[in-house]
Amino acid sequence: ATGHTYGRFYTNISGVGRLGKNMLKTDIIHYLDQCELSLDDVKIDYNKGFYPMGA
């Protein structure tokens, strides 16, 4: 099938609920290398303290 698929990356550490502060969009693209993603396809969600909460 073709079309858009949405997913969310986040940490599974209890009580934290956010990604590592140093995680880059390119890290996600390399992890999902078979999906042919570009930097524009990956969005990062930040909290008010500018810590990444999910991607």
PDB file of N, CA and C in Angstrom:
ATOM      1  N   ALA A   1       0.842  -1.187   0.000  1.00  0.00           N
ATOM      2  CA  ALA A   1       0.000   0.000   0.000  1.00  0.00           C
ATOM      3  C   ALA A   1       0.887   1.251   0.000  1.00  0.00           C
ATOM      4  N   THR A   2       0.343   2.341  -0.479  1.00  0.00           N
ATOM      5  CA  THR A   2       1.064   3.607  -0.481  1.00  0.00           C
ATOM      6  C   THR A   2       0.306   4.617   0.357  1.00  0.00           C
ATOM      7  N   GLY A   3       0.975   5.677   0.716  1.00  0.00           N
ATOM      8  CA  GLY A   3       0.340   6.725   1.504  1.00  0.00           C
ATOM      9  C   GLY A   3       1.190   7.073   2.703  1.00  0.00           C
ATOM     10  N   HIS A   4       0.622   7.873   3.580  1.00  0.00           N
ATOM     11  CA  HIS A   4       1.330   8.339   4.763  1.00  0.00           C
ATOM     12  C   HIS A   4       1.114   7.391   5.931  1.00  0.00           C
ATOM     13  N   THR A   5       2.148   7.232   6.719  1.00  0.00           N
ATOM     14  CA  THR A   5       2.064   6.485   7.961  1.00  0.00           C
ATOM     15  C   THR A   5       2.698   7.331   9.038  1.00  0.00           C
ATOM     16  N   TYR A   6       2.065   7.406  10.168  1.00  0.00           N
ATOM     17  CA  TYR A   6       2.578   8.213  11.259  1.00  0.00           C
ATOM     18  C   TYR A   6       2.958   7.316  12.416  1.00  0.00           C
ATOM     19  N   GLY A   7       4.039   7.643  13.062  1.00  0.00           N
ATOM     20  CA  GLY A   7       4.501   6.929  14.242  1.00  0.00           C
ATOM     21  C   GLY A   7       5.130   7.933  15.181  1.00  0.00           C
ATOM     22  N   ARG A   8       5.480   7.480  16.356  1.00  0.00           N
ATOM     23  CA  ARG A   8       6.094   8.382  17.331  1.00  0.00           C
ATOM     24  C   ARG A   8       7.216   7.641  18.045  1.00  0.00           C
ATOM     25  N   PHE A   9       8.365   8.275  18.114  1.00  0.00           N
ATOM     26  CA  PHE A   9       9.479   7.765  18.895  1.00  0.00           C
ATOM     27  C   PHE A   9       9.495   8.491  20.229  1.00  0.00           C
ATOM     28  N   TYR A  10       9.698   7.755  21.290  1.00  0.00           N
ATOM     29  CA  TYR A  10       9.859   8.357  22.601  1.00  0.00           C
ATOM     30  C   TYR A  10      10.615   7.355  23.454  1.00  0.00           C
ATOM     31  N   THR A  11      11.137   7.809  24.558  1.00  0.00           N
ATOM     32  CA  THR A  11      11.898   6.934  25.435  1.00  0.00           C
ATOM     33  C   THR A  11      10.957   6.043  26.238  1.00  0.00           C
ATOM     34  N   ASN A  12      11.433   4.878  26.596  1.00  0.00           N
ATOM     35  CA  ASN A  12      10.617   3.975  27.415  1.00  0.00           C
ATOM     36  C   ASN A  12      11.081   3.975  28.865  1.00  0.00           C
ATOM     37  N   ILE A  13      11.908   4.948  29.246  1.00  0.00           N
ATOM     38  CA  ILE A  13      12.361   5.065  30.625  1.00  0.00           C
ATOM     39  C   ILE A  13      11.200   5.588  31.471  1.00  0.00           C
ATOM     40  N   SER A  14      10.898   4.905  32.529  1.00  0.00           N
ATOM     41  CA  SER A  14       9.750   5.254  33.358  1.00  0.00           C
ATOM     42  C   SER A  14       9.885   6.662  33.931  1.00  0.00           C
ATOM     43  N   GLY A  15       8.841   7.462  33.769  1.00  0.00           N
ATOM     44  CA  GLY A  15       8.801   8.798  34.320  1.00  0.00           C
ATOM     45  C   GLY A  15       9.470   9.865  33.477  1.00  0.00           C
ATOM     46  N   VAL A  16      10.171   9.498  32.423  1.00  0.00           N
ATOM     47  CA  VAL A  16      10.880  10.496  31.617  1.00  0.00           C
ATOM     48  C   VAL A  16      10.021  10.936  30.448  1.00  0.00           C
ATOM     49  N   GLY A  17       9.668  10.030  29.552  1.00  0.00           N
ATOM     50  CA  GLY A  17       8.747  10.322  28.462  1.00  0.00           C
ATOM     51  C   GLY A  17       9.271  11.247  27.383  1.00  0.00           C
ATOM     52  N   ARG A  18      10.583  11.421  27.278  1.00  0.00           N
ATOM     53  CA  ARG A  18      11.104  12.262  26.204  1.00  0.00           C
ATOM     54  C   ARG A  18      12.343  11.611  25.602  1.00  0.00           C
ATOM     55  N   LEU A  19      12.703  12.064  24.430  1.00  0.00           N
ATOM     56  CA  LEU A  19      13.871  11.542  23.739  1.00  0.00           C
ATOM     57  C   LEU A  19      15.146  12.067  24.376  1.00  0.00           C
ATOM     58  N   GLY A  20      16.247  11.443  24.028  1.00  0.00           N
ATOM     59  CA  GLY A  20      17.531  11.960  24.471  1.00  0.00           C
ATOM     60  C   GLY A  20      17.767  13.355  23.905  1.00  0.00           C
ATOM     61  N   LYS A  21      18.390  14.222  24.677  1.00  0.00           N
ATOM     62  CA  LYS A  21      18.565  15.606  24.264  1.00  0.00           C
ATOM     63  C   LYS A  21      19.413  15.727  23.003  1.00  0.00           C
ATOM     64  N   ASN A  22      20.271  14.761  22.746  1.00  0.00           N
ATOM     65  CA  ASN A  22      21.170  14.833  21.599  1.00  0.00           C
ATOM     66  C   ASN A  22      20.669  14.072  20.377  1.00  0.00           C
ATOM     67  N   MET A  23      19.447  13.573  20.389  1.00  0.00           N
ATOM     68  CA  MET A  23      18.925  12.835  19.240  1.00  0.00           C
ATOM     69  C   MET A  23      18.669  13.779  18.076  1.00  0.00           C
ATOM     70  N   LEU A  24      19.121  13.388  16.913  1.00  0.00           N
ATOM     71  CA  LEU A  24      18.968  14.190  15.702  1.00  0.00           C
ATOM     72  C   LEU A  24      17.965  13.551  14.754  1.00  0.00           C
ATOM     73  N   LYS A  25      17.441  14.353  13.845  1.00  0.00           N
ATOM     74  CA  LYS A  25      16.560  13.814  12.804  1.00  0.00           C
ATOM     75  C   LYS A  25      17.290  12.761  11.982  1.00  0.00           C
ATOM     76  N   THR A  26      18.573  12.973  11.724  1.00  0.00           N
ATOM     77  CA  THR A  26      19.336  12.004  10.932  1.00  0.00           C
ATOM     78  C   THR A  26      19.459  10.668  11.651  1.00  0.00           C
ATOM     79  N   ASP A  27      19.451  10.652  12.992  1.00  0.00           N
ATOM     80  CA  ASP A  27      19.465   9.394  13.735  1.00  0.00           C
ATOM     81  C   ASP A  27      18.218   8.571  13.420  1.00  0.00           C
ATOM     82  N   ILE A  28      17.081   9.231  13.363  1.00  0.00           N
ATOM     83  CA  ILE A  28      15.815   8.549  13.044  1.00  0.00           C
ATOM     84  C   ILE A  28      15.820   8.066  11.605  1.00  0.00           C
ATOM     85  N   ILE A  29      16.307   8.896  10.692  1.00  0.00           N
ATOM     86  CA  ILE A  29      16.367   8.519   9.274  1.00  0.00           C
ATOM     87  C   ILE A  29      17.265   7.300   9.089  1.00  0.00           C
ATOM     88  N   HIS A  30      18.401   7.255   9.770  1.00  0.00           N
ATOM     89  CA  HIS A  30      19.299   6.103   9.664  1.00  0.00           C
ATOM     90  C   HIS A  30      18.687   4.860  10.294  1.00  0.00           C
ATOM     91  N   TYR A  31      17.936   5.031  11.369  1.00  0.00           N
ATOM     92  CA  TYR A  31      17.275   3.901  12.012  1.00  0.00           C
ATOM     93  C   TYR A  31      16.222   3.289  11.085  1.00  0.00           C
ATOM     94  N   LEU A  32      15.530   4.131  10.335  1.00  0.00           N
ATOM     95  CA  LEU A  32      14.485   3.681   9.412  1.00  0.00           C
ATOM     96  C   LEU A  32      14.974   3.793   7.969  1.00  0.00           C
ATOM     97  N   ASP A  33      16.165   3.287   7.698  1.00  0.00           N
ATOM     98  CA  ASP A  33      16.817   3.500   6.407  1.00  0.00           C
ATOM     99  C   ASP A  33      16.047   2.946   5.213  1.00  0.00           C
ATOM    100  N   GLN A  34      15.208   1.973   5.381  1.00  0.00           N
ATOM    101  CA  GLN A  34      14.447   1.395   4.270  1.00  0.00           C
ATOM    102  C   GLN A  34      13.219   2.222   3.898  1.00  0.00           C
ATOM    103  N   CYS A  35      12.898   3.242   4.678  1.00  0.00           N
ATOM    104  CA  CYS A  35      11.681   4.028   4.455  1.00  0.00           C
ATOM    105  C   CYS A  35      11.884   5.236   3.551  1.00  0.00           C
ATOM    106  N   GLU A  36      13.120   5.518   3.159  1.00  0.00           N
ATOM    107  CA  GLU A  36      13.430   6.636   2.269  1.00  0.00           C
ATOM    108  C   GLU A  36      12.871   7.959   2.795  1.00  0.00           C
ATOM    109  N   LEU A  37      13.128   8.254   4.061  1.00  0.00           N
ATOM    110  CA  LEU A  37      12.675   9.503   4.666  1.00  0.00           C
ATOM    111  C   LEU A  37      13.646  10.630   4.345  1.00  0.00           C
ATOM    112  N   SER A  38      13.148  11.847   4.375  1.00  0.00           N
ATOM    113  CA  SER A  38      14.001  13.029   4.258  1.00  0.00           C
ATOM    114  C   SER A  38      13.907  13.803   5.572  1.00  0.00           C
ATOM    115  N   LEU A  39      14.744  14.828   5.718  1.00  0.00           N
ATOM    116  CA  LEU A  39      14.701  15.640   6.934  1.00  0.00           C
ATOM    117  C   LEU A  39      13.357  16.334   7.099  1.00  0.00           C
ATOM    118  N   ASP A  40      12.685  16.647   5.992  1.00  0.00           N
ATOM    119  CA  ASP A  40      11.373  17.297   6.064  1.00  0.00           C
ATOM    120  C   ASP A  40      10.281  16.344   6.553  1.00  0.00           C
ATOM    121  N   ASP A  41      10.525  15.036   6.466  1.00  0.00           N
ATOM    122  CA  ASP A  41       9.531  14.048   6.896  1.00  0.00           C
ATOM    123  C   ASP A  41       9.514  13.838   8.404  1.00  0.00           C
ATOM    124  N   VAL A  42      10.589  14.212   9.080  1.00  0.00           N
ATOM    125  CA  VAL A  42      10.712  13.962  10.513  1.00  0.00           C
ATOM    126  C   VAL A  42      10.450  15.262  11.268  1.00  0.00           C
ATOM    127  N   LYS A  43       9.540  15.220  12.202  1.00  0.00           N
ATOM    128  CA  LYS A  43       9.206  16.376  13.043  1.00  0.00           C
ATOM    129  C   LYS A  43       9.544  16.041  14.489  1.00  0.00           C
ATOM    130  N   ILE A  44      10.108  16.999  15.210  1.00  0.00           N
ATOM    131  CA  ILE A  44      10.466  16.824  16.608  1.00  0.00           C
ATOM    132  C   ILE A  44       9.535  17.676  17.458  1.00  0.00           C
ATOM    133  N   ASP A  45       8.963  17.088  18.521  1.00  0.00           N
ATOM    134  CA  ASP A  45       8.115  17.817  19.467  1.00  0.00           C
ATOM    135  C   ASP A  45       8.952  18.204  20.681  1.00  0.00           C
ATOM    136  N   TYR A  46       8.910  19.482  21.044  1.00  0.00           N
ATOM    137  CA  TYR A  46       9.684  19.988  22.176  1.00  0.00           C
ATOM    138  C   TYR A  46       8.743  20.483  23.273  1.00  0.00           C
ATOM    139  N   ASN A  47       9.213  20.404  24.519  1.00  0.00           N
ATOM    140  CA  ASN A  47       8.439  20.987  25.604  1.00  0.00           C
ATOM    141  C   ASN A  47       8.859  22.446  25.792  1.00  0.00           C
ATOM    142  N   LYS A  48       8.330  23.111  26.802  1.00  0.00           N
ATOM    143  CA  LYS A  48       8.635  24.540  27.017  1.00  0.00           C
ATOM    144  C   LYS A  48      10.097  24.776  27.378  1.00  0.00           C
ATOM    145  N   GLY A  49      10.773  23.772  27.911  1.00  0.00           N
ATOM    146  CA  GLY A  49      12.194  23.875  28.234  1.00  0.00           C
ATOM    147  C   GLY A  49      13.091  23.501  27.066  1.00  0.00           C
ATOM    148  N   PHE A  50      12.497  23.329  25.887  1.00  0.00           N
ATOM    149  CA  PHE A  50      13.174  22.977  24.644  1.00  0.00           C
ATOM    150  C   PHE A  50      13.884  21.627  24.715  1.00  0.00           C
ATOM    151  N   TYR A  51      13.277  20.689  25.455  1.00  0.00           N
ATOM    152  CA  TYR A  51      13.756  19.320  25.449  1.00  0.00           C
ATOM    153  C   TYR A  51      12.881  18.512  24.493  1.00  0.00           C
ATOM    154  N   PRO A  52      13.487  17.664  23.656  1.00  0.00           N
ATOM    155  CA  PRO A  52      12.678  16.869  22.733  1.00  0.00           C
ATOM    156  C   PRO A  52      11.810  15.854  23.484  1.00  0.00           C
ATOM    157  N   MET A  53      10.528  15.878  23.203  1.00  0.00           N
ATOM    158  CA  MET A  53       9.574  14.984  23.857  1.00  0.00           C
ATOM    159  C   MET A  53       9.240  13.788  22.986  1.00  0.00           C
ATOM    160  N   GLY A  54       9.290  13.943  21.696  1.00  0.00           N
ATOM    161  CA  GLY A  54       8.974  12.872  20.769  1.00  0.00           C
ATOM    162  C   GLY A  54       9.307  13.293  19.368  1.00  0.00           C
ATOM    163  N   ALA A  55       9.325  12.318  18.483  1.00  0.00           N
ATOM    164  CA  ALA A  55       9.619  12.608  17.080  1.00  0.00           C
ATOM    165  C   ALA A  55       8.677  11.821  16.201  1.00  0.00           C
TER     166      ALA A  55
END
